[in-house]
Amino acid sequence: MNKDDKGRETIFDHGVTREELDLLFGGEKEGFTPMTKEKYFKMMSDTDAYYVDICRLYKLRGDRKKMMKYYKKISMPEVEKMWLIMDSCYEGANSVEEQLKEGRKS
């Protein structure tokens, strides 16, 4: 089963690999316990948080179109802001703002 106990879509519905999980959440190389489905479902609480991780997964894969598809599904402004802040850590804030402007138009 890839969905959580409420049937919500998660990164596991998108074929996330062990390597991708390690890149998204840290792995043994970084001194973290590897992420598992069970651990993931225990730590996540809402649909928007799942969408943020799906966005992160598609960003990692270089699939901007799918990343923006899930970004648009984020319903809470606070979670949208969290995604913007997290994403800004990986790329300059200007590029994030440009992606969001373009993504909101499409």
Protein backbone atom coordinates (compact mmCIF):
# COMPACT_ATOMS: atom_id res chain seq x y z
CA MET A 1 0.00 0.00 0.00
CA ASN A 2 1.42 3.38 -1.05
CA LYS A 3 -1.32 5.66 0.25
CA ASP A 4 -1.70 6.58 3.92
CA ASP A 5 -4.50 5.22 6.10
CA LYS A 6 -6.85 7.92 4.74
CA GLY A 7 -6.11 7.04 1.11
CA ARG A 8 -4.13 10.22 0.40
CA GLU A 9 -1.55 10.33 -2.37
CA THR A 10 2.10 10.22 -1.24
CA ILE A 11 5.58 10.00 -2.72
CA PHE A 12 5.24 6.22 -2.59
CA ASP A 13 2.52 6.45 -5.26
CA HIS A 14 5.18 8.02 -7.49
CA GLY A 15 7.74 5.23 -7.33
CA VAL A 16 10.20 6.93 -5.01
CA THR A 17 13.45 4.97 -4.83
CA ARG A 18 15.71 4.30 -1.83
CA GLU A 19 18.27 6.73 -3.29
CA GLU A 20 15.62 9.43 -3.69
CA LEU A 21 14.38 8.88 -0.12
CA ASP A 22 17.95 9.32 1.12
CA LEU A 23 18.36 12.52 -0.89
CA LEU A 24 15.02 13.90 0.30
CA PHE A 25 15.28 12.95 3.99
CA GLY A 26 18.90 12.06 4.62
CA GLY A 27 20.29 8.57 4.77
CA GLU A 28 22.90 6.52 6.53
CA LYS A 29 25.72 8.52 4.91
CA GLU A 30 24.45 11.59 6.76
CA GLY A 31 23.98 9.65 9.99
CA PHE A 32 20.19 9.32 9.70
CA THR A 33 18.08 6.21 9.99
CA PRO A 34 16.82 5.52 6.46
CA MET A 35 13.24 6.63 5.80
CA THR A 36 10.67 3.86 5.57
CA LYS A 37 7.00 3.95 4.57
CA GLU A 38 5.97 3.29 8.14
CA LYS A 39 8.16 6.06 9.53
CA TYR A 40 7.01 8.45 6.80
CA PHE A 41 3.32 7.84 7.49
CA LYS A 42 3.85 8.34 11.24
CA MET A 43 5.59 11.70 10.79
CA MET A 44 3.24 13.17 8.17
CA SER A 45 -0.06 14.68 9.15
CA ASP A 46 -1.80 16.39 6.27
CA THR A 47 -2.36 16.34 2.55
CA ASP A 48 -0.42 19.54 1.88
CA ALA A 49 2.67 18.05 3.52
CA TYR A 50 2.39 15.08 1.15
CA TYR A 51 2.11 17.49 -1.79
CA VAL A 52 5.25 19.32 -0.66
CA ASP A 53 7.18 16.04 -0.68
CA ILE A 54 5.78 15.10 -4.08
CA CYS A 55 6.94 18.53 -5.32
CA ARG A 56 10.39 17.89 -3.85
CA LEU A 57 10.51 14.47 -5.52
CA TYR A 58 9.70 15.84 -8.96
CA LYS A 59 12.12 18.73 -8.49
CA LEU A 60 14.80 16.16 -7.67
CA ARG A 61 13.89 14.28 -10.84
CA GLY A 62 14.05 17.49 -12.86
CA ASP A 63 10.37 17.30 -13.84
CA ARG A 64 9.25 20.89 -13.40
CA LYS A 65 5.85 20.31 -15.00
CA LYS A 66 4.85 17.62 -12.50
CA MET A 67 6.41 19.59 -9.64
CA MET A 68 4.19 22.57 -10.47
CA LYS A 69 1.12 20.32 -10.89
CA TYR A 70 1.44 19.26 -7.26
CA TYR A 71 2.52 22.70 -6.05
CA LYS A 72 -0.81 24.04 -7.34
CA LYS A 73 -2.65 21.50 -5.18
CA ILE A 74 -1.22 22.93 -1.94
CA SER A 75 -4.18 24.62 -0.29
CA MET A 76 -2.75 26.28 2.81
CA PRO A 77 -0.73 29.51 2.40
CA GLU A 78 1.52 28.54 5.35
CA VAL A 79 2.46 25.26 3.67
CA GLU A 80 2.99 27.02 0.35
CA LYS A 81 5.34 29.44 2.15
CA MET A 82 7.16 26.47 3.76
CA TRP A 83 7.72 24.97 0.29
CA LEU A 84 9.06 28.29 -0.99
CA ILE A 85 11.48 28.54 1.95
CA MET A 86 12.63 24.91 1.63
CA ASP A 87 13.07 25.27 -2.11
CA SER A 88 15.02 28.51 -1.69
CA CYS A 89 17.63 26.58 0.27
CA TYR A 90 18.44 24.61 -2.88
CA GLU A 91 18.19 27.37 -5.49
CA GLY A 92 18.34 31.14 -5.29
CA ALA A 93 15.14 32.81 -4.14
CA ASN A 94 14.83 34.64 -7.45
CA SER A 95 14.68 31.44 -9.46
CA VAL A 96 12.02 30.05 -7.12
CA GLU A 97 9.89 33.16 -7.46
CA GLU A 98 10.19 32.97 -11.23
CA GLN A 99 9.19 29.30 -11.25
CA LEU A 100 6.16 30.05 -9.11
CA LYS A 101 5.07 32.94 -11.29
CA GLU A 102 5.38 30.79 -14.39
CA GLY A 103 3.74 27.80 -12.70
CA ARG A 104 0.73 29.76 -11.47
CA LYS A 105 0.11 30.99 -15.03
CA SER A 106 0.18 27.53 -16.61
